[in-house]
Amino acid sequence: MTTSPEFTPPLPDAALFDIGEWPIAYARFPELGEADRVPRTLRSLDAVLDQCQRFVIVWTPASHDHDDEPHEDERASMVWLKRRKGDLREWCAGYVYVTTDPALRALLTGRFVTVSKLLPFPKLLADDRDDARRQALALLG
């Protein structure tokens, strides 16, 4: 992971978040078998939100589907989201998901509609990191 001098500690998990181009954070969803994957992700998101600065997260999706998440992990994520949704709405300029998989793109596009009321910021798709960076910069204005 690359860090940014503008980012105030605590830092996000280095195995999950690259903040070298802050306020763009490049993040990957951890795989099901990774240790403490949900707490690590949520602590990392807390660190990003606690900067109190507009940001964009460029996400690399995991290989498993969201519907495959264990119940306890899904529950922990929803508790966190309810607690931090106001901060997400205030500080998050958008999410950009990097994938060229047509099936995943279609699935994500459908989910964007489902979560639009809860997370009203833009959710976009990119073909690669360069495309995602261009989109993230546009979202940051």
C-alpha atoms as a PDB file:
ATOM      1  CA  MET A   1       0.000   0.000   0.000  1.00  0.00           C
ATOM      2  CA  THR A   2       1.015   3.532  -0.611  1.00  0.00           C
ATOM      3  CA  THR A   3       0.230   6.121   2.030  1.00  0.00           C
ATOM      4  CA  SER A   4      -0.473   9.815   1.687  1.00  0.00           C
ATOM      5  CA  PRO A   5       1.042  12.598   3.787  1.00  0.00           C
ATOM      6  CA  GLU A   6      -2.409  14.247   3.924  1.00  0.00           C
ATOM      7  CA  PHE A   7      -4.018  11.238   5.590  1.00  0.00           C
ATOM      8  CA  THR A   8      -4.215  11.432   9.387  1.00  0.00           C
ATOM      9  CA  PRO A   9      -3.760   8.149  11.336  1.00  0.00           C
ATOM     10  CA  PRO A  10      -5.101   5.667  12.081  1.00  0.00           C
ATOM     11  CA  LEU A  11      -4.433   4.359   8.604  1.00  0.00           C
ATOM     12  CA  PRO A  12      -6.611   1.851   6.757  1.00  0.00           C
ATOM     13  CA  ASP A  13      -5.477  -1.761   6.535  1.00  0.00           C
ATOM     14  CA  ALA A  14      -2.540  -1.727   4.104  1.00  0.00           C
ATOM     15  CA  ALA A  15      -3.538  -5.079   2.603  1.00  0.00           C
ATOM     16  CA  LEU A  16      -6.956  -3.683   1.645  1.00  0.00           C
ATOM     17  CA  PHE A  17      -6.580   0.058   1.015  1.00  0.00           C
ATOM     18  CA  ASP A  18      -4.078   2.085  -1.021  1.00  0.00           C
ATOM     19  CA  ILE A  19      -4.336   5.764  -0.060  1.00  0.00           C
ATOM     20  CA  GLY A  20      -1.340   6.973  -2.063  1.00  0.00           C
ATOM     21  CA  GLU A  21      -3.573   9.193  -4.224  1.00  0.00           C
ATOM     22  CA  TRP A  22      -5.781  10.426  -1.386  1.00  0.00           C
ATOM     23  CA  PRO A  23      -8.613  11.572  -1.599  1.00  0.00           C
ATOM     24  CA  ILE A  24      -8.904   8.616  -3.941  1.00  0.00           C
ATOM     25  CA  ALA A  25      -8.652   5.330  -2.045  1.00  0.00           C
ATOM     26  CA  TYR A  26      -8.082   2.125  -4.007  1.00  0.00           C
ATOM     27  CA  ALA A  27      -9.635  -0.718  -2.068  1.00  0.00           C
ATOM     28  CA  ARG A  28     -10.318  -4.374  -2.579  1.00  0.00           C
ATOM     29  CA  PHE A  29     -13.067  -6.415  -1.051  1.00  0.00           C
ATOM     30  CA  PRO A  30     -11.394  -9.265   0.857  1.00  0.00           C
ATOM     31  CA  GLU A  31     -12.082 -12.873  -0.034  1.00  0.00           C
ATOM     32  CA  LEU A  32     -14.234 -15.114   2.179  1.00  0.00           C
ATOM     33  CA  GLY A  33     -11.248 -17.035   3.597  1.00  0.00           C
ATOM     34  CA  GLU A  34      -9.279 -13.984   4.736  1.00  0.00           C
ATOM     35  CA  ALA A  35      -8.873 -13.558   8.486  1.00  0.00           C
ATOM     36  CA  ASP A  36     -10.929 -10.822  10.165  1.00  0.00           C
ATOM     37  CA  ARG A  37     -11.908  -9.545   6.744  1.00  0.00           C
ATOM     38  CA  VAL A  38     -15.071  -7.677   7.754  1.00  0.00           C
ATOM     39  CA  PRO A  39     -13.645  -5.977  10.884  1.00  0.00           C
ATOM     40  CA  ARG A  40     -10.535  -4.986   8.885  1.00  0.00           C
ATOM     41  CA  THR A  41     -12.658  -3.511   6.115  1.00  0.00           C
ATOM     42  CA  LEU A  42     -14.941  -1.630   8.500  1.00  0.00           C
ATOM     43  CA  ARG A  43     -12.010  -0.233  10.517  1.00  0.00           C
ATOM     44  CA  SER A  44     -10.449   0.885   7.245  1.00  0.00           C
ATOM     45  CA  LEU A  45     -13.663   2.593   6.177  1.00  0.00           C
ATOM     46  CA  ASP A  46     -13.825   4.288   9.594  1.00  0.00           C
ATOM     47  CA  ALA A  47     -10.293   5.620   9.025  1.00  0.00           C
ATOM     48  CA  VAL A  48     -11.318   6.979   5.621  1.00  0.00           C
ATOM     49  CA  LEU A  49     -14.496   8.611   6.970  1.00  0.00           C
ATOM     50  CA  ASP A  50     -12.674  10.072   9.966  1.00  0.00           C
ATOM     51  CA  GLN A  51     -10.627  12.248   7.577  1.00  0.00           C
ATOM     52  CA  CYS A  52     -13.759  14.422   7.234  1.00  0.00           C
ATOM     53  CA  GLN A  53     -12.817  15.112   3.625  1.00  0.00           C
ATOM     54  CA  ARG A  54     -14.566  14.340   0.330  1.00  0.00           C
ATOM     55  CA  PHE A  55     -13.229  11.108  -1.137  1.00  0.00           C
ATOM     56  CA  VAL A  56     -13.870   8.421  -3.732  1.00  0.00           C
ATOM     57  CA  ILE A  57     -13.249   4.721  -3.227  1.00  0.00           C
ATOM     58  CA  VAL A  58     -12.215   2.667  -6.240  1.00  0.00           C
ATOM     59  CA  TRP A  59     -13.268  -0.882  -5.371  1.00  0.00           C
ATOM     60  CA  THR A  60     -11.921  -4.139  -6.744  1.00  0.00           C
ATOM     61  CA  PRO A  61     -14.681  -6.699  -6.120  1.00  0.00           C
ATOM     62  CA  ALA A  62     -14.018 -10.042  -4.441  1.00  0.00           C
ATOM     63  CA  SER A  63     -14.464 -13.262  -6.380  1.00  0.00           C
ATOM     64  CA  HIS A  64     -17.547 -14.240  -4.349  1.00  0.00           C
ATOM     65  CA  ASP A  65     -20.983 -12.692  -4.636  1.00  0.00           C
ATOM     66  CA  HIS A  66     -22.401 -10.406  -1.963  1.00  0.00           C
ATOM     67  CA  ASP A  67     -25.181 -12.957  -1.426  1.00  0.00           C
ATOM     68  CA  ASP A  68     -22.520 -15.490  -0.344  1.00  0.00           C
ATOM     69  CA  GLU A  69     -21.578 -13.397   2.697  1.00  0.00           C
ATOM     70  CA  PRO A  70     -22.030 -15.253   5.992  1.00  0.00           C
ATOM     71  CA  HIS A  71     -24.991 -13.947   8.010  1.00  0.00           C
ATOM     72  CA  GLU A  72     -22.846 -12.600  10.876  1.00  0.00           C
ATOM     73  CA  ASP A  73     -20.604 -10.702   8.467  1.00  0.00           C
ATOM     74  CA  GLU A  74     -23.599  -9.225   6.690  1.00  0.00           C
ATOM     75  CA  ARG A  75     -25.132  -8.259  10.038  1.00  0.00           C
ATOM     76  CA  ALA A  76     -21.914  -6.550  11.211  1.00  0.00           C
ATOM     77  CA  SER A  77     -21.743  -4.627   7.939  1.00  0.00           C
ATOM     78  CA  MET A  78     -25.346  -3.457   8.243  1.00  0.00           C
ATOM     79  CA  VAL A  79     -24.847  -2.316  11.853  1.00  0.00           C
ATOM     80  CA  TRP A  80     -21.791  -0.351  10.727  1.00  0.00           C
ATOM     81  CA  LEU A  81     -23.656   1.112   7.754  1.00  0.00           C
ATOM     82  CA  LYS A  82     -26.554   2.288   9.908  1.00  0.00           C
ATOM     83  CA  ARG A  83     -24.072   3.949  12.261  1.00  0.00           C
ATOM     84  CA  ARG A  84     -21.983   5.617   9.523  1.00  0.00           C
ATOM     85  CA  LYS A  85     -24.481   6.268   6.700  1.00  0.00           C
ATOM     86  CA  GLY A  86     -24.687   9.980   7.533  1.00  0.00           C
ATOM     87  CA  ASP A  87     -20.910  10.278   7.295  1.00  0.00           C
ATOM     88  CA  LEU A  88     -20.882   8.358   4.015  1.00  0.00           C
ATOM     89  CA  ARG A  89     -23.517  10.663   2.579  1.00  0.00           C
ATOM     90  CA  GLU A  90     -21.560  13.730   3.681  1.00  0.00           C
ATOM     91  CA  TRP A  91     -18.036  12.763   2.676  1.00  0.00           C
ATOM     92  CA  CYS A  92     -18.240  10.130  -0.060  1.00  0.00           C
ATOM     93  CA  ALA A  93     -18.240  11.622  -3.575  1.00  0.00           C
ATOM     94  CA  GLY A  94     -18.752   8.154  -5.057  1.00  0.00           C
ATOM     95  CA  TYR A  95     -17.658   4.572  -5.538  1.00  0.00           C
ATOM     96  CA  VAL A  96     -16.064   3.257  -8.712  1.00  0.00           C
ATOM     97  CA  TYR A  97     -15.987  -0.517  -9.221  1.00  0.00           C
ATOM     98  CA  VAL A  98     -13.296  -1.971 -11.495  1.00  0.00           C
ATOM     99  CA  THR A  99     -14.400  -4.985 -13.522  1.00  0.00           C
ATOM    100  CA  THR A 100     -14.662  -6.025 -17.146  1.00  0.00           C
ATOM    101  CA  ASP A 101     -16.809  -9.085 -16.379  1.00  0.00           C
ATOM    102  CA  PRO A 102     -20.154  -8.508 -18.167  1.00  0.00           C
ATOM    103  CA  ALA A 103     -22.137 -10.602 -15.666  1.00  0.00           C
ATOM    104  CA  LEU A 104     -20.652  -8.785 -12.672  1.00  0.00           C
ATOM    105  CA  ARG A 105     -21.212  -5.411 -14.331  1.00  0.00           C
ATOM    106  CA  ALA A 106     -24.887  -6.275 -14.853  1.00  0.00           C
ATOM    107  CA  LEU A 107     -25.229  -7.519 -11.264  1.00  0.00           C
ATOM    108  CA  LEU A 108     -23.588  -4.389  -9.843  1.00  0.00           C
ATOM    109  CA  THR A 109     -25.725  -2.088 -11.993  1.00  0.00           C
ATOM    110  CA  GLY A 110     -28.846  -3.725 -10.565  1.00  0.00           C
ATOM    111  CA  ARG A 111     -27.549  -3.389  -7.023  1.00  0.00           C
ATOM    112  CA  PHE A 112     -26.725   0.295  -7.551  1.00  0.00           C
ATOM    113  CA  VAL A 113     -30.447   0.933  -8.035  1.00  0.00           C
ATOM    114  CA  THR A 114     -31.322  -1.077  -4.909  1.00  0.00           C
ATOM    115  CA  VAL A 115     -28.956   0.853  -2.619  1.00  0.00           C
ATOM    116  CA  SER A 116     -29.428   4.310  -4.157  1.00  0.00           C
ATOM    117  CA  LYS A 117     -31.673   5.584  -1.337  1.00  0.00           C
ATOM    118  CA  LEU A 118     -29.346   4.330   1.391  1.00  0.00           C
ATOM    119  CA  LEU A 119     -26.170   5.454  -0.400  1.00  0.00           C
ATOM    120  CA  PRO A 120     -27.242   8.321  -2.683  1.00  0.00           C
ATOM    121  CA  PHE A 121     -23.774   9.106  -4.073  1.00  0.00           C
ATOM    122  CA  PRO A 122     -22.732   7.947  -7.575  1.00  0.00           C
ATOM    123  CA  LYS A 123     -21.704   4.339  -8.115  1.00  0.00           C
ATOM    124  CA  LEU A 124     -19.857   3.798 -11.379  1.00  0.00           C
ATOM    125  CA  LEU A 125     -18.140   1.041 -13.332  1.00  0.00           C
ATOM    126  CA  ALA A 126     -14.632   1.209 -14.788  1.00  0.00           C
ATOM    127  CA  ASP A 127     -12.669  -1.111 -17.061  1.00  0.00           C
ATOM    128  CA  ASP A 128      -9.303  -0.635 -15.345  1.00  0.00           C
ATOM    129  CA  ARG A 129      -7.450   1.447 -12.778  1.00  0.00           C
ATOM    130  CA  ASP A 130      -6.723   4.300 -15.206  1.00  0.00           C
ATOM    131  CA  ASP A 131     -10.383   4.537 -16.200  1.00  0.00           C
ATOM    132  CA  ALA A 132     -11.360   4.392 -12.503  1.00  0.00           C
ATOM    133  CA  ARG A 133      -8.880   7.170 -11.646  1.00  0.00           C
ATOM    134  CA  ARG A 134     -10.321   9.421 -14.379  1.00  0.00           C
ATOM    135  CA  GLN A 135     -13.843   8.802 -13.101  1.00  0.00           C
ATOM    136  CA  ALA A 136     -12.814   9.352  -9.479  1.00  0.00           C
ATOM    137  CA  LEU A 137     -11.170  12.668 -10.310  1.00  0.00           C
ATOM    138  CA  ALA A 138     -14.325  13.750 -12.148  1.00  0.00           C
ATOM    139  CA  LEU A 139     -16.441  12.846  -9.105  1.00  0.00           C
ATOM    140  CA  LEU A 140     -14.161  14.909  -6.882  1.00  0.00           C
ATOM    141  CA  GLY A 141     -14.615  17.826  -9.281  1.00  0.00           C
END
